[in-house]
């Protein structure tokens, strides 16, 4: 029967994270389309040139993406998972011996630098723009997740129960949302999104409706 020998531990190790992360792992697919090259330039005015070295904002954004994608609900849990999960370390560009930021840096960054610079919103809009360019967003329907909450509603604004309400059609509402969102996009992102058939169709439909209304 074989038995492992417990001798003196190794002094040196040769280890490559890229070799242990499977080629079909989800983090590789995300990393292939994720572009965060703009982060350092955009956030530079919000960091001081003196004092202790700060945590890399790209690292924090990548860790937050891991938390959102893999449903890690707390920042403490996120730090613990990145500490032990090699695939998460690879995605966050951390070496096997690199330390993990403390959980408290996320709340401070979210309420200070990330909020002031609107960095997380730019990441979100970039993801949506890529989905539009790939044809994954059509503006033909939407879903709502809601909870019923008791509220003290103003009696003067109530409507009788038998009075019909002119709810907008789901298609019109979703198309209006996509159109409004596209108009608020930066010009470069708007040009990319406009190359898709879906976006051109929405834009043409809205334009024809505006002509008819005139």
N, C-alpha and C. Protein backbone atom coordinates (compact mmCIF):
# COMPACT_ATOMS: atom_id res chain seq x y z
N UNK A 1 0.86 -1.20 0.00
CA UNK A 1 0.00 0.00 0.00
C UNK A 1 0.88 1.24 0.00
N UNK A 2 0.61 2.13 -0.92
CA UNK A 2 1.42 3.34 -1.00
C UNK A 2 1.14 4.28 0.15
N UNK A 3 2.12 5.04 0.52
CA UNK A 3 1.99 6.01 1.60
C UNK A 3 2.84 7.23 1.26
N UNK A 4 2.23 8.39 1.41
CA UNK A 4 2.96 9.61 1.11
C UNK A 4 4.00 9.88 2.19
N UNK A 5 5.16 10.29 1.77
CA UNK A 5 6.22 10.61 2.71
C UNK A 5 6.11 12.07 3.11
N UNK A 6 6.22 12.31 4.37
CA UNK A 6 6.17 13.67 4.89
C UNK A 6 7.57 14.12 5.30
N UNK A 7 8.28 14.59 4.33
CA UNK A 7 9.62 15.05 4.61
C UNK A 7 9.65 16.56 4.76
N UNK A 8 10.81 17.13 4.50
CA UNK A 8 10.96 18.57 4.60
C UNK A 8 10.21 19.24 3.46
N UNK A 9 9.51 20.33 3.76
CA UNK A 9 8.75 21.03 2.75
C UNK A 9 9.62 21.67 1.69
N UNK A 10 9.04 21.91 0.53
CA UNK A 10 9.79 22.52 -0.56
C UNK A 10 10.05 23.99 -0.26
N UNK A 11 11.20 24.45 -0.71
CA UNK A 11 11.54 25.87 -0.57
C UNK A 11 11.07 26.67 -1.78
N UNK A 12 11.03 26.05 -2.93
CA UNK A 12 10.64 26.76 -4.15
C UNK A 12 9.57 25.95 -4.88
N UNK A 13 8.63 26.70 -5.50
CA UNK A 13 7.55 26.07 -6.26
C UNK A 13 7.48 26.71 -7.65
N UNK A 14 7.15 25.90 -8.63
CA UNK A 14 6.87 26.41 -9.98
C UNK A 14 5.39 26.18 -10.24
N UNK A 15 4.65 27.29 -10.34
CA UNK A 15 3.20 27.19 -10.42
C UNK A 15 2.68 28.25 -11.38
N UNK A 16 1.85 27.86 -12.31
CA UNK A 16 1.26 28.77 -13.29
C UNK A 16 -0.25 28.69 -13.20
N UNK A 17 -0.86 29.78 -12.77
CA UNK A 17 -2.32 29.79 -12.63
C UNK A 17 -3.02 29.54 -13.97
N UNK A 18 -2.44 30.02 -15.04
CA UNK A 18 -3.08 29.89 -16.35
C UNK A 18 -3.24 28.42 -16.75
N UNK A 19 -2.40 27.55 -16.22
CA UNK A 19 -2.46 26.14 -16.58
C UNK A 19 -3.53 25.38 -15.80
N UNK A 20 -3.96 25.91 -14.67
CA UNK A 20 -4.92 25.18 -13.84
C UNK A 20 -6.36 25.65 -14.04
N UNK A 21 -6.55 26.80 -14.71
CA UNK A 21 -7.91 27.28 -14.97
C UNK A 21 -8.41 26.65 -16.27
N UNK A 22 -9.50 25.88 -16.25
CA UNK A 22 -9.99 25.21 -17.46
C UNK A 22 -10.28 26.19 -18.59
N UNK A 23 -10.08 25.73 -19.81
CA UNK A 23 -10.28 26.58 -20.98
C UNK A 23 -11.74 27.00 -21.14
N UNK A 24 -12.68 26.19 -20.65
CA UNK A 24 -14.10 26.51 -20.80
C UNK A 24 -14.70 27.16 -19.56
N UNK A 25 -13.85 27.58 -18.63
CA UNK A 25 -14.36 28.21 -17.41
C UNK A 25 -14.98 29.57 -17.75
N UNK A 26 -16.04 29.93 -17.03
CA UNK A 26 -16.77 31.16 -17.31
C UNK A 26 -15.88 32.40 -17.16
N UNK A 27 -14.93 32.38 -16.23
CA UNK A 27 -14.09 33.56 -16.03
C UNK A 27 -13.24 33.84 -17.27
N UNK A 28 -12.86 32.81 -18.01
CA UNK A 28 -12.10 33.02 -19.23
C UNK A 28 -12.96 33.70 -20.29
N UNK A 29 -14.22 33.32 -20.38
CA UNK A 29 -15.11 33.92 -21.37
C UNK A 29 -15.35 35.40 -21.04
N UNK A 30 -15.53 35.70 -19.76
CA UNK A 30 -15.74 37.09 -19.35
C UNK A 30 -14.48 37.91 -19.60
N UNK A 31 -13.34 37.35 -19.24
CA UNK A 31 -12.08 38.07 -19.41
C UNK A 31 -11.80 38.38 -20.87
N UNK A 32 -12.29 37.53 -21.76
CA UNK A 32 -12.04 37.73 -23.18
C UNK A 32 -12.74 38.94 -23.77
N UNK A 33 -13.83 39.39 -23.14
CA UNK A 33 -14.59 40.53 -23.66
C UNK A 33 -14.56 41.73 -22.74
N UNK A 34 -14.01 41.59 -21.54
CA UNK A 34 -14.01 42.67 -20.56
C UNK A 34 -12.88 43.65 -20.86
N UNK A 35 -13.22 44.92 -20.98
CA UNK A 35 -12.23 45.96 -21.25
C UNK A 35 -12.26 46.99 -20.12
N UNK A 36 -11.21 47.01 -19.31
CA UNK A 36 -11.11 47.96 -18.20
C UNK A 36 -9.87 48.84 -18.33
N UNK A 37 -9.38 49.01 -19.56
CA UNK A 37 -8.18 49.81 -19.77
C UNK A 37 -8.39 51.28 -19.41
N UNK A 38 -9.61 51.74 -19.45
CA UNK A 38 -9.91 53.15 -19.21
C UNK A 38 -9.96 53.51 -17.74
N UNK A 39 -10.02 52.52 -16.85
CA UNK A 39 -10.29 52.77 -15.43
C UNK A 39 -9.22 53.65 -14.79
N UNK A 40 -7.95 53.31 -14.98
CA UNK A 40 -6.89 54.06 -14.30
C UNK A 40 -6.88 55.53 -14.71
N UNK A 41 -7.07 55.78 -16.00
CA UNK A 41 -7.07 57.15 -16.48
C UNK A 41 -8.25 57.94 -15.95
N UNK A 42 -9.43 57.31 -15.94
CA UNK A 42 -10.64 58.00 -15.50
C UNK A 42 -10.63 58.28 -14.00
N UNK A 43 -10.06 57.37 -13.21
CA UNK A 43 -10.10 57.51 -11.75
C UNK A 43 -8.87 58.23 -11.19
N UNK A 44 -7.91 58.55 -12.03
CA UNK A 44 -6.69 59.21 -11.53
C UNK A 44 -6.97 60.48 -10.74
N UNK A 45 -7.91 61.36 -11.15
CA UNK A 45 -8.16 62.58 -10.38
C UNK A 45 -8.73 62.33 -8.98
N UNK A 46 -9.23 61.14 -8.73
CA UNK A 46 -9.87 60.85 -7.44
C UNK A 46 -8.91 60.19 -6.45
N UNK A 47 -7.66 60.03 -6.84
CA UNK A 47 -6.65 59.43 -5.98
C UNK A 47 -5.57 60.44 -5.65
N UNK A 48 -5.07 60.38 -4.43
CA UNK A 48 -4.00 61.28 -4.00
C UNK A 48 -2.65 60.75 -4.45
N UNK A 49 -1.72 61.68 -4.67
CA UNK A 49 -0.36 61.30 -5.06
C UNK A 49 0.53 61.06 -3.84
N UNK A 50 0.02 61.30 -2.67
CA UNK A 50 0.79 61.09 -1.44
C UNK A 50 0.08 60.06 -0.57
N UNK A 51 0.75 59.63 0.50
CA UNK A 51 0.16 58.67 1.42
C UNK A 51 0.47 57.24 1.04
N UNK A 52 -0.22 56.31 1.67
CA UNK A 52 0.03 54.90 1.42
C UNK A 52 -0.46 54.49 0.04
N UNK A 53 0.15 53.46 -0.54
CA UNK A 53 -0.32 52.98 -1.85
C UNK A 53 -1.78 52.52 -1.77
N UNK A 54 -2.55 52.87 -2.77
CA UNK A 54 -3.98 52.52 -2.78
C UNK A 54 -4.18 51.15 -3.44
N UNK A 55 -5.38 50.62 -3.23
CA UNK A 55 -5.75 49.36 -3.87
C UNK A 55 -6.09 49.63 -5.34
N UNK A 56 -5.62 48.78 -6.22
CA UNK A 56 -5.88 48.94 -7.64
C UNK A 56 -7.39 48.90 -7.90
N UNK A 57 -7.97 49.96 -8.50
CA UNK A 57 -9.42 49.96 -8.76
C UNK A 57 -9.84 48.87 -9.73
N UNK A 58 -8.97 48.51 -10.67
CA UNK A 58 -9.30 47.43 -11.61
C UNK A 58 -9.47 46.11 -10.86
N UNK A 59 -8.61 45.88 -9.87
CA UNK A 59 -8.72 44.68 -9.05
C UNK A 59 -10.06 44.65 -8.32
N UNK A 60 -10.46 45.78 -7.76
CA UNK A 60 -11.74 45.82 -7.03
C UNK A 60 -12.92 45.58 -7.96
N UNK A 61 -12.89 46.17 -9.16
CA UNK A 61 -13.98 45.98 -10.10
C UNK A 61 -14.05 44.52 -10.55
N UNK A 62 -12.90 43.92 -10.80
CA UNK A 62 -12.89 42.51 -11.20
C UNK A 62 -13.43 41.62 -10.06
N UNK A 63 -13.06 41.92 -8.84
CA UNK A 63 -13.58 41.13 -7.72
C UNK A 63 -15.08 41.31 -7.58
N UNK A 64 -15.57 42.53 -7.78
CA UNK A 64 -17.02 42.76 -7.70
C UNK A 64 -17.75 42.00 -8.80
N UNK A 65 -17.17 41.93 -10.00
CA UNK A 65 -17.78 41.17 -11.08
C UNK A 65 -17.88 39.70 -10.70
N UNK A 66 -16.82 39.17 -10.08
CA UNK A 66 -16.86 37.78 -9.60
C UNK A 66 -18.02 37.60 -8.62
N UNK A 67 -18.19 38.55 -7.72
CA UNK A 67 -19.27 38.45 -6.75
C UNK A 67 -20.64 38.46 -7.40
N UNK A 68 -20.83 39.33 -8.39
CA UNK A 68 -22.13 39.42 -9.06
C UNK A 68 -22.42 38.17 -9.90
N UNK A 69 -21.42 37.70 -10.64
CA UNK A 69 -21.63 36.58 -11.55
C UNK A 69 -21.87 35.27 -10.80
N UNK A 70 -21.13 35.07 -9.71
CA UNK A 70 -21.21 33.80 -8.99
C UNK A 70 -22.03 33.91 -7.70
N UNK A 71 -22.83 34.97 -7.60
CA UNK A 71 -23.81 35.12 -6.50
C UNK A 71 -23.15 35.03 -5.13
N UNK A 72 -22.06 35.74 -4.94
CA UNK A 72 -21.42 35.84 -3.63
C UNK A 72 -21.99 37.10 -2.98
N UNK A 73 -22.78 36.92 -1.95
CA UNK A 73 -23.64 37.98 -1.47
C UNK A 73 -22.97 39.00 -0.57
N UNK A 74 -21.84 38.69 0.03
CA UNK A 74 -21.19 39.63 0.93
C UNK A 74 -19.77 39.88 0.49
N UNK A 75 -19.24 41.05 0.86
CA UNK A 75 -17.86 41.36 0.50
C UNK A 75 -16.87 40.57 1.34
N UNK A 76 -17.25 40.23 2.55
CA UNK A 76 -16.40 39.34 3.35
C UNK A 76 -16.29 37.98 2.68
N UNK A 77 -17.44 37.46 2.25
CA UNK A 77 -17.44 36.17 1.56
C UNK A 77 -16.69 36.23 0.25
N UNK A 78 -16.79 37.37 -0.45
CA UNK A 78 -16.08 37.54 -1.71
C UNK A 78 -14.57 37.46 -1.50
N UNK A 79 -14.07 38.15 -0.48
CA UNK A 79 -12.64 38.11 -0.19
C UNK A 79 -12.19 36.69 0.18
N UNK A 80 -13.03 35.98 0.92
CA UNK A 80 -12.68 34.60 1.30
C UNK A 80 -12.64 33.69 0.09
N UNK A 81 -13.59 33.86 -0.85
CA UNK A 81 -13.64 33.01 -2.03
C UNK A 81 -12.47 33.29 -2.97
N UNK A 82 -12.14 34.55 -3.16
CA UNK A 82 -11.01 34.89 -4.02
C UNK A 82 -9.71 34.39 -3.41
N UNK A 83 -9.66 34.33 -2.08
CA UNK A 83 -8.46 33.85 -1.39
C UNK A 83 -8.15 32.40 -1.75
N UNK A 84 -9.18 31.57 -1.88
CA UNK A 84 -8.96 30.13 -2.04
C UNK A 84 -9.25 29.61 -3.44
N UNK A 85 -9.96 30.39 -4.27
CA UNK A 85 -10.37 29.90 -5.59
C UNK A 85 -9.35 30.35 -6.64
N UNK A 86 -8.69 29.40 -7.28
CA UNK A 86 -7.64 29.72 -8.24
C UNK A 86 -8.20 30.41 -9.49
N UNK A 87 -9.39 30.01 -9.93
CA UNK A 87 -9.99 30.63 -11.11
C UNK A 87 -10.31 32.10 -10.84
N UNK A 88 -10.80 32.40 -9.65
CA UNK A 88 -11.08 33.79 -9.29
C UNK A 88 -9.79 34.60 -9.22
N UNK A 89 -8.74 34.00 -8.68
CA UNK A 89 -7.44 34.68 -8.62
C UNK A 89 -6.94 34.99 -10.03
N UNK A 90 -7.08 34.03 -10.92
CA UNK A 90 -6.64 34.24 -12.30
C UNK A 90 -7.41 35.39 -12.94
N UNK A 91 -8.72 35.42 -12.77
CA UNK A 91 -9.54 36.48 -13.35
C UNK A 91 -9.17 37.85 -12.79
N UNK A 92 -8.84 37.89 -11.50
CA UNK A 92 -8.48 39.15 -10.85
C UNK A 92 -7.03 39.53 -11.05
N UNK A 93 -6.29 38.73 -11.84
CA UNK A 93 -4.88 38.98 -12.12
C UNK A 93 -4.04 38.97 -10.85
N UNK A 94 -4.36 38.09 -9.94
CA UNK A 94 -3.62 37.92 -8.70
C UNK A 94 -2.73 36.69 -8.79
N UNK A 95 -1.51 36.80 -8.28
CA UNK A 95 -0.64 35.65 -8.21
C UNK A 95 -1.03 34.74 -7.06
N UNK A 96 -0.39 33.60 -7.00
CA UNK A 96 -0.74 32.63 -5.97
C UNK A 96 -0.39 33.12 -4.57
N UNK A 97 0.57 34.04 -4.47
CA UNK A 97 1.00 34.55 -3.18
C UNK A 97 0.53 35.98 -2.92
N UNK A 98 -0.20 36.58 -3.85
CA UNK A 98 -0.66 37.95 -3.66
C UNK A 98 -1.73 38.01 -2.58
N UNK A 99 -1.71 39.08 -1.81
CA UNK A 99 -2.70 39.27 -0.76
C UNK A 99 -4.04 39.75 -1.33
N UNK A 100 -5.09 39.55 -0.56
CA UNK A 100 -6.44 39.96 -0.96
C UNK A 100 -6.80 41.24 -0.20
N UNK A 101 -7.39 42.23 -0.87
CA UNK A 101 -7.80 43.45 -0.17
C UNK A 101 -8.79 43.17 0.95
N UNK A 102 -8.77 44.00 1.95
CA UNK A 102 -9.74 43.87 3.04
C UNK A 102 -11.14 44.23 2.54
N UNK A 103 -12.13 43.61 3.12
CA UNK A 103 -13.51 43.82 2.65
C UNK A 103 -13.96 45.26 2.79
N UNK A 104 -13.35 46.02 3.71
CA UNK A 104 -13.80 47.39 3.97
C UNK A 104 -13.49 48.33 2.81
N UNK A 105 -12.51 47.98 1.96
CA UNK A 105 -12.14 48.90 0.87
C UNK A 105 -13.26 49.00 -0.17
N UNK A 106 -14.10 47.97 -0.27
CA UNK A 106 -15.16 47.99 -1.28
C UNK A 106 -16.24 49.00 -0.93
N UNK A 107 -16.67 49.02 0.32
CA UNK A 107 -17.71 49.97 0.71
C UNK A 107 -17.21 51.41 0.59
N UNK A 108 -15.95 51.65 0.96
CA UNK A 108 -15.40 52.99 0.84
C UNK A 108 -15.30 53.42 -0.62
N UNK A 109 -14.81 52.51 -1.47
CA UNK A 109 -14.70 52.86 -2.89
C UNK A 109 -16.07 53.07 -3.51
N UNK A 110 -17.04 52.24 -3.14
CA UNK A 110 -18.37 52.34 -3.73
C UNK A 110 -19.03 53.66 -3.35
N UNK A 111 -18.85 54.12 -2.13
CA UNK A 111 -19.50 55.35 -1.67
C UNK A 111 -18.66 56.60 -1.93
N UNK A 112 -17.41 56.44 -2.35
CA UNK A 112 -16.56 57.60 -2.59
C UNK A 112 -16.12 57.67 -4.05
N UNK A 113 -15.01 57.02 -4.38
CA UNK A 113 -14.42 57.19 -5.72
C UNK A 113 -15.30 56.63 -6.82
N UNK A 114 -15.86 55.45 -6.63
CA UNK A 114 -16.68 54.85 -7.69
C UNK A 114 -17.95 55.66 -7.91
N UNK A 115 -18.51 56.21 -6.84
CA UNK A 115 -19.73 57.00 -6.99
C UNK A 115 -19.42 58.34 -7.64
N UNK A 116 -18.34 58.99 -7.23
CA UNK A 116 -18.00 60.30 -7.77
C UNK A 116 -17.65 60.21 -9.26
N UNK A 117 -16.96 59.14 -9.65
CA UNK A 117 -16.54 58.99 -11.03
C UNK A 117 -17.56 58.28 -11.90
N UNK A 118 -18.59 57.70 -11.31
CA UNK A 118 -19.60 56.94 -12.05
C UNK A 118 -18.98 55.75 -12.77
N UNK A 119 -17.94 55.16 -12.15
CA UNK A 119 -17.21 54.07 -12.80
C UNK A 119 -18.06 52.83 -12.99
N UNK A 120 -18.82 52.44 -11.96
CA UNK A 120 -19.62 51.22 -12.07
C UNK A 120 -20.71 51.35 -13.12
N UNK A 121 -21.22 52.56 -13.28
CA UNK A 121 -22.23 52.77 -14.32
C UNK A 121 -21.62 52.58 -15.71
N UNK A 122 -20.39 53.03 -15.88
CA UNK A 122 -19.73 52.85 -17.17
C UNK A 122 -19.48 51.37 -17.46
N UNK A 123 -19.12 50.62 -16.42
CA UNK A 123 -18.95 49.17 -16.62
C UNK A 123 -20.27 48.55 -17.05
N UNK A 124 -21.35 48.94 -16.37
CA UNK A 124 -22.68 48.40 -16.70
C UNK A 124 -23.07 48.76 -18.13
N UNK A 125 -22.88 50.02 -18.53
CA UNK A 125 -23.26 50.44 -19.87
C UNK A 125 -22.40 49.73 -20.92
N UNK A 126 -21.13 49.49 -20.59
CA UNK A 126 -20.29 48.76 -21.52
C UNK A 126 -20.76 47.34 -21.75
N UNK A 127 -21.22 46.70 -20.67
CA UNK A 127 -21.74 45.34 -20.78
C UNK A 127 -23.02 45.33 -21.62
N UNK A 128 -23.92 46.28 -21.37
CA UNK A 128 -25.17 46.34 -22.15
C UNK A 128 -24.88 46.63 -23.61
N UNK A 129 -23.91 47.51 -23.89
CA UNK A 129 -23.57 47.83 -25.27
C UNK A 129 -23.05 46.60 -26.01
N UNK A 130 -22.24 45.78 -25.34
CA UNK A 130 -21.76 44.55 -25.95
C UNK A 130 -22.91 43.57 -26.21
N UNK A 131 -23.86 43.53 -25.28
CA UNK A 131 -25.02 42.66 -25.48
C UNK A 131 -25.86 43.12 -26.67
N UNK A 132 -26.00 44.44 -26.84
CA UNK A 132 -26.74 44.97 -27.99
C UNK A 132 -26.01 44.64 -29.28
N UNK A 133 -24.67 44.83 -29.27
CA UNK A 133 -23.88 44.55 -30.46
C UNK A 133 -23.94 43.08 -30.84
N UNK A 134 -24.08 42.21 -29.85
CA UNK A 134 -24.15 40.77 -30.11
C UNK A 134 -25.56 40.30 -30.43
N UNK A 135 -26.53 41.23 -30.41
CA UNK A 135 -27.91 40.86 -30.73
C UNK A 135 -28.66 40.21 -29.58
N UNK A 136 -28.15 40.38 -28.35
CA UNK A 136 -28.80 39.76 -27.20
C UNK A 136 -29.89 40.65 -26.60
N UNK A 137 -29.94 41.92 -26.99
CA UNK A 137 -30.95 42.85 -26.49
C UNK A 137 -31.76 43.32 -27.69
N UNK A 138 -33.04 42.98 -27.68
CA UNK A 138 -33.86 43.33 -28.82
C UNK A 138 -34.87 44.42 -28.56
N UNK A 139 -35.15 44.73 -27.28
CA UNK A 139 -36.14 45.75 -26.98
C UNK A 139 -37.56 45.33 -27.30
N UNK A 140 -37.82 44.03 -27.32
CA UNK A 140 -39.16 43.54 -27.67
C UNK A 140 -39.95 43.07 -26.46
N UNK A 141 -39.36 43.07 -25.31
CA UNK A 141 -40.06 42.64 -24.11
C UNK A 141 -39.19 42.86 -22.89
N UNK A 142 -39.79 42.84 -21.73
CA UNK A 142 -39.03 43.01 -20.50
C UNK A 142 -39.74 42.27 -19.38
N UNK A 143 -39.02 42.00 -18.31
CA UNK A 143 -39.60 41.34 -17.15
C UNK A 143 -39.39 42.21 -15.92
N UNK A 144 -40.27 42.08 -14.96
CA UNK A 144 -40.23 42.90 -13.75
C UNK A 144 -40.26 41.99 -12.54
N UNK A 145 -39.38 42.27 -11.61
CA UNK A 145 -39.36 41.56 -10.33
C UNK A 145 -39.80 42.55 -9.26
N UNK A 146 -40.93 42.33 -8.64
CA UNK A 146 -41.48 43.31 -7.71
C UNK A 146 -41.98 42.64 -6.44
N UNK A 147 -42.10 43.44 -5.41
CA UNK A 147 -42.64 42.99 -4.13
C UNK A 147 -43.78 43.92 -3.72
N UNK A 148 -44.84 43.34 -3.19
CA UNK A 148 -45.97 44.14 -2.74
C UNK A 148 -45.68 44.67 -1.34
N UNK A 149 -45.73 46.00 -1.20
CA UNK A 149 -45.44 46.66 0.07
C UNK A 149 -46.61 47.56 0.42
N UNK A 150 -47.08 47.47 1.64
CA UNK A 150 -48.15 48.34 2.10
C UNK A 150 -47.67 49.79 2.12
N UNK A 151 -48.51 50.68 1.60
CA UNK A 151 -48.12 52.09 1.54
C UNK A 151 -49.33 52.96 1.87
N UNK A 152 -49.06 54.13 2.41
CA UNK A 152 -50.10 55.10 2.74
C UNK A 152 -50.34 55.96 1.50
N UNK A 153 -51.20 55.48 0.59
CA UNK A 153 -51.41 56.14 -0.69
C UNK A 153 -52.36 57.32 -0.52
N UNK A 154 -52.09 58.38 -1.25
CA UNK A 154 -52.93 59.57 -1.22
C UNK A 154 -54.31 59.23 -1.79
N UNK A 155 -55.35 59.45 -1.02
CA UNK A 155 -56.70 59.11 -1.46
C UNK A 155 -57.13 59.94 -2.67
N UNK A 156 -56.58 61.15 -2.82
CA UNK A 156 -56.99 62.02 -3.92
C UNK A 156 -56.46 61.52 -5.27
N UNK A 157 -55.46 60.66 -5.23
CA UNK A 157 -54.86 60.18 -6.48
C UNK A 157 -55.30 58.77 -6.83
N UNK A 158 -56.22 58.23 -6.06
CA UNK A 158 -56.67 56.88 -6.33
C UNK A 158 -57.64 56.86 -7.51
N UNK A 159 -57.73 55.70 -8.17
CA UNK A 159 -58.68 55.49 -9.25
C UNK A 159 -59.67 54.41 -8.86
N UNK A 160 -60.92 54.54 -9.26
CA UNK A 160 -61.90 53.50 -8.96
C UNK A 160 -61.46 52.17 -9.54
N UNK A 161 -61.83 51.09 -8.85
CA UNK A 161 -61.41 49.77 -9.30
C UNK A 161 -61.97 49.37 -10.64
N UNK A 162 -63.12 49.92 -11.04
CA UNK A 162 -63.72 49.54 -12.32
C UNK A 162 -63.28 50.44 -13.46
N UNK A 163 -62.41 51.41 -13.18
CA UNK A 163 -61.96 52.32 -14.23
C UNK A 163 -60.72 51.75 -14.91
N UNK A 164 -60.74 51.59 -16.23
CA UNK A 164 -59.59 50.99 -16.93
C UNK A 164 -58.37 51.92 -16.89
N UNK A 165 -57.21 51.32 -16.84
CA UNK A 165 -55.96 52.07 -16.83
C UNK A 165 -55.25 51.83 -18.16
N UNK A 166 -54.80 52.88 -18.79
CA UNK A 166 -54.14 52.78 -20.09
C UNK A 166 -52.68 52.40 -19.90
N UNK A 167 -52.46 51.10 -19.58
CA UNK A 167 -51.08 50.63 -19.42
C UNK A 167 -50.40 50.58 -20.79
N UNK A 168 -49.13 50.98 -20.90
CA UNK A 168 -48.43 50.86 -22.19
C UNK A 168 -48.14 49.41 -22.51
N UNK A 169 -48.11 49.10 -23.80
CA UNK A 169 -47.77 47.74 -24.21
C UNK A 169 -46.32 47.44 -23.84
N UNK A 170 -46.07 46.17 -23.54
CA UNK A 170 -44.73 45.79 -23.12
C UNK A 170 -43.68 46.12 -24.18
N UNK A 171 -44.05 45.88 -25.46
CA UNK A 171 -43.09 46.14 -26.55
C UNK A 171 -42.78 47.62 -26.65
N UNK A 172 -43.83 48.48 -26.55
CA UNK A 172 -43.61 49.92 -26.65
C UNK A 172 -42.79 50.43 -25.47
N UNK A 173 -43.08 49.92 -24.28
CA UNK A 173 -42.34 50.37 -23.10
C UNK A 173 -40.88 49.98 -23.18
N UNK A 174 -40.61 48.74 -23.60
CA UNK A 174 -39.22 48.28 -23.67
C UNK A 174 -38.46 49.00 -24.77
N UNK A 175 -39.13 49.24 -25.91
CA UNK A 175 -38.47 49.97 -26.98
C UNK A 175 -38.18 51.40 -26.56
N UNK A 176 -39.09 52.01 -25.83
CA UNK A 176 -38.87 53.38 -25.35
C UNK A 176 -37.69 53.43 -24.40
N UNK A 177 -37.58 52.41 -23.54
CA UNK A 177 -36.45 52.36 -22.61
C UNK A 177 -35.13 52.24 -23.35
N UNK A 178 -35.07 51.32 -24.33
CA UNK A 178 -33.83 51.13 -25.09
C UNK A 178 -33.47 52.40 -25.85
N UNK A 179 -34.46 53.05 -26.45
CA UNK A 179 -34.20 54.27 -27.21
C UNK A 179 -33.66 55.37 -26.30
N UNK A 180 -34.29 55.54 -25.13
CA UNK A 180 -33.83 56.55 -24.18
C UNK A 180 -32.43 56.24 -23.70
N UNK A 181 -32.17 54.97 -23.45
CA UNK A 181 -30.83 54.58 -22.97
C UNK A 181 -29.77 54.82 -24.04
N UNK A 182 -30.11 54.54 -25.29
CA UNK A 182 -29.16 54.75 -26.38
C UNK A 182 -28.80 56.22 -26.53
N UNK A 183 -29.78 57.10 -26.36
CA UNK A 183 -29.52 58.52 -26.50
C UNK A 183 -28.59 59.04 -25.41
N UNK A 184 -28.56 58.36 -24.25
CA UNK A 184 -27.70 58.80 -23.15
C UNK A 184 -26.30 58.20 -23.22
N UNK A 185 -26.04 57.32 -24.20
CA UNK A 185 -24.74 56.67 -24.32
C UNK A 185 -23.70 57.62 -24.90
N UNK A 186 -22.41 57.43 -24.56
CA UNK A 186 -21.34 58.19 -25.21
C UNK A 186 -21.35 57.94 -26.71
N UNK A 187 -20.86 58.90 -27.52
CA UNK A 187 -20.91 58.75 -28.99
C UNK A 187 -20.24 57.49 -29.50
N UNK A 188 -19.09 57.10 -28.91
CA UNK A 188 -18.38 55.92 -29.41
C UNK A 188 -19.19 54.66 -29.18
N UNK A 189 -19.79 54.52 -28.00
CA UNK A 189 -20.60 53.35 -27.70
C UNK A 189 -21.87 53.36 -28.54
N UNK A 190 -22.41 54.56 -28.81
CA UNK A 190 -23.62 54.65 -29.61
C UNK A 190 -23.36 54.18 -31.03
N UNK A 191 -22.19 54.52 -31.58
CA UNK A 191 -21.88 54.10 -32.95
C UNK A 191 -21.76 52.58 -33.04
N UNK A 192 -21.14 51.96 -32.00
CA UNK A 192 -21.02 50.50 -32.00
C UNK A 192 -22.39 49.85 -31.94
N UNK A 193 -23.23 50.37 -31.04
CA UNK A 193 -24.56 49.76 -30.88
C UNK A 193 -25.42 49.96 -32.12
N UNK A 194 -25.21 51.10 -32.81
CA UNK A 194 -26.04 51.41 -33.98
C UNK A 194 -25.74 50.52 -35.17
N UNK A 195 -24.64 49.77 -35.10
CA UNK A 195 -24.29 48.89 -36.20
C UNK A 195 -25.16 47.64 -36.26
N UNK A 196 -25.88 47.36 -35.21
CA UNK A 196 -26.68 46.14 -35.16
C UNK A 196 -28.04 46.37 -35.80
N UNK A 197 -28.61 45.30 -36.34
CA UNK A 197 -29.91 45.40 -37.01
C UNK A 197 -31.01 45.77 -36.03
N UNK A 198 -30.92 45.21 -34.81
CA UNK A 198 -31.97 45.46 -33.82
C UNK A 198 -32.06 46.93 -33.48
N UNK A 199 -30.89 47.54 -33.23
CA UNK A 199 -30.89 48.95 -32.83
C UNK A 199 -31.35 49.82 -33.99
N UNK A 200 -30.91 49.51 -35.23
CA UNK A 200 -31.34 50.29 -36.38
C UNK A 200 -32.86 50.18 -36.56
N UNK A 201 -33.39 49.00 -36.32
CA UNK A 201 -34.84 48.81 -36.44
C UNK A 201 -35.59 49.67 -35.43
N UNK A 202 -35.10 49.67 -34.19
CA UNK A 202 -35.75 50.48 -33.14
C UNK A 202 -35.68 51.96 -33.50
N UNK A 203 -34.50 52.40 -33.94
CA UNK A 203 -34.32 53.81 -34.28
C UNK A 203 -35.22 54.21 -35.44
N UNK A 204 -35.32 53.34 -36.47
CA UNK A 204 -36.17 53.64 -37.62
C UNK A 204 -37.63 53.68 -37.22
N UNK A 205 -38.04 52.75 -36.36
CA UNK A 205 -39.43 52.72 -35.90
C UNK A 205 -39.77 53.99 -35.13
N UNK A 206 -38.87 54.40 -34.23
CA UNK A 206 -39.12 55.61 -33.45
C UNK A 206 -39.17 56.84 -34.36
N UNK A 207 -38.30 56.87 -35.37
CA UNK A 207 -38.27 58.02 -36.27
C UNK A 207 -39.56 58.12 -37.07
N UNK A 208 -40.06 56.96 -37.52
CA UNK A 208 -41.31 56.97 -38.30
C UNK A 208 -42.49 57.38 -37.44
N UNK A 209 -42.48 56.96 -36.19
CA UNK A 209 -43.56 57.36 -35.28
C UNK A 209 -43.55 58.86 -35.04
N UNK A 210 -42.34 59.42 -34.89
CA UNK A 210 -42.25 60.85 -34.68
C UNK A 210 -42.77 61.63 -35.89
N UNK A 211 -42.47 61.13 -37.13
CA UNK A 211 -42.96 61.79 -38.32
C UNK A 211 -44.49 61.77 -38.39
N UNK A 212 -45.06 60.58 -38.03
CA UNK A 212 -46.51 60.47 -38.07
C UNK A 212 -47.16 61.39 -37.05
N UNK A 213 -46.50 61.54 -35.89
CA UNK A 213 -47.08 62.40 -34.85
C UNK A 213 -47.07 63.86 -35.25
N UNK A 214 -46.09 64.21 -36.12
CA UNK A 214 -46.03 65.60 -36.58
C UNK A 214 -47.15 65.91 -37.58
